[in-house]
Amino acid sequence: MKFVMYPYHIMSLGGYIVETDFPYRNVIVVNKTAEPIKFEIPVFHEHWLQETEELGLEVIPVRDEDNYLQMYKKAHAELQAYKAKIGVE
């Protein structure tokens, strides 16, 4: 299945991880481009991270010991700062 990530958006894929041996409990995806990007979900393997980055998306894996909310807020703040820098609302 494919999902379209809109320009300058951020999302969390925790509900789309289906493998029990996947080393991350969540993945934050950020699109800092002006184009919508289509990528595969659900997440089945670690190779998905590199494949998705190659499409132009920023991929932030979240481990069990990581603070998800802090990581999401940081990525969101960076996206907002980037949007302000380039003049996008």
Protein backbone atom coordinates (compact mmCIF):
# COMPACT_ATOMS: atom_id res chain seq x y z
CA MET A 1 0.00 0.00 0.00
CA LYS A 2 1.22 3.51 -0.71
CA PHE A 3 0.83 6.67 1.37
CA VAL A 4 1.21 10.24 0.14
CA MET A 5 3.18 12.60 2.38
CA TYR A 6 2.18 16.19 1.69
CA PRO A 7 4.81 18.92 1.32
CA TYR A 8 6.20 20.28 4.59
CA HIS A 9 4.40 17.77 6.81
CA ILE A 10 5.40 15.41 9.60
CA MET A 11 3.83 12.15 10.72
CA SER A 12 4.38 9.17 12.96
CA LEU A 13 4.18 5.61 11.65
CA GLY A 14 3.94 3.63 14.89
CA GLY A 15 0.65 2.03 13.84
CA TYR A 16 2.10 0.96 10.50
CA ILE A 17 4.95 -1.14 11.90
CA VAL A 18 3.88 -4.76 11.55
CA GLU A 19 7.00 -6.81 12.23
CA THR A 20 7.61 -7.92 15.81
CA ASP A 21 11.38 -8.11 15.23
CA PHE A 22 11.61 -4.55 13.85
CA PRO A 23 14.17 -2.78 16.07
CA TYR A 24 12.18 0.45 16.46
CA ARG A 25 8.86 1.09 18.16
CA ASN A 26 8.02 4.08 16.00
CA VAL A 27 9.27 6.03 13.00
CA ILE A 28 8.85 9.76 12.48
CA VAL A 29 8.75 10.85 8.83
CA VAL A 30 9.26 14.46 7.70
CA ASN A 31 8.76 15.86 4.20
CA LYS A 32 10.79 19.06 3.84
CA THR A 33 10.21 19.27 0.10
CA ALA A 34 7.70 21.25 -1.92
CA GLU A 35 6.43 18.06 -3.57
CA PRO A 36 4.13 15.33 -2.26
CA ILE A 37 6.05 12.07 -1.92
CA LYS A 38 4.49 8.63 -2.16
CA PHE A 39 6.03 5.85 -0.05
CA GLU A 40 5.24 2.29 0.99
CA ILE A 41 3.45 1.37 4.21
CA PRO A 42 3.31 -0.68 6.37
CA VAL A 43 6.90 -0.96 7.55
CA PHE A 44 8.16 -4.54 7.23
CA HIS A 45 11.95 -4.36 7.46
CA GLU A 46 14.91 -2.12 8.27
CA HIS A 47 15.66 -1.58 4.58
CA TRP A 48 12.46 0.48 4.48
CA LEU A 49 14.28 3.28 6.34
CA GLN A 50 16.93 3.72 3.63
CA GLU A 51 14.45 3.23 0.79
CA THR A 52 12.22 5.96 2.21
CA GLU A 53 15.12 8.36 2.77
CA GLU A 54 16.15 7.85 -0.86
CA LEU A 55 12.75 9.26 -1.86
CA GLY A 56 13.65 12.55 -0.17
CA LEU A 57 11.96 12.07 3.19
CA GLU A 58 13.67 12.49 6.54
CA VAL A 59 13.26 9.30 8.59
CA ILE A 60 13.75 9.34 12.37
CA PRO A 61 13.62 5.89 13.99
CA VAL A 62 12.47 5.76 17.63
CA ARG A 63 13.87 3.04 19.91
CA ASP A 64 12.24 1.74 23.09
CA GLU A 65 14.57 3.81 25.27
CA ASP A 66 14.01 7.04 23.29
CA ASN A 67 11.60 9.77 24.33
CA TYR A 68 9.17 9.78 21.41
CA LEU A 69 7.40 13.02 22.33
CA GLN A 70 10.67 14.92 22.68
CA MET A 71 11.90 13.59 19.34
CA TYR A 72 8.62 14.45 17.60
CA LYS A 73 8.56 17.98 19.04
CA LYS A 74 12.18 18.54 17.99
CA ALA A 75 11.49 17.34 14.43
CA HIS A 76 8.34 19.48 14.29
CA ALA A 77 10.22 22.57 15.50
CA GLU A 78 12.95 21.98 12.90
CA LEU A 79 10.31 21.66 10.19
CA GLN A 80 8.60 24.88 11.32
CA ALA A 81 11.95 26.72 11.37
CA TYR A 82 12.73 25.42 7.88
CA LYS A 83 9.33 26.54 6.60
CA ALA A 84 9.83 30.01 8.10
CA LYS A 85 13.31 30.23 6.54
CA ILE A 86 12.00 29.51 3.05
CA GLY A 87 8.80 31.52 3.50
CA VAL A 88 6.21 28.73 3.49
CA GLU A 89 3.19 28.93 5.76
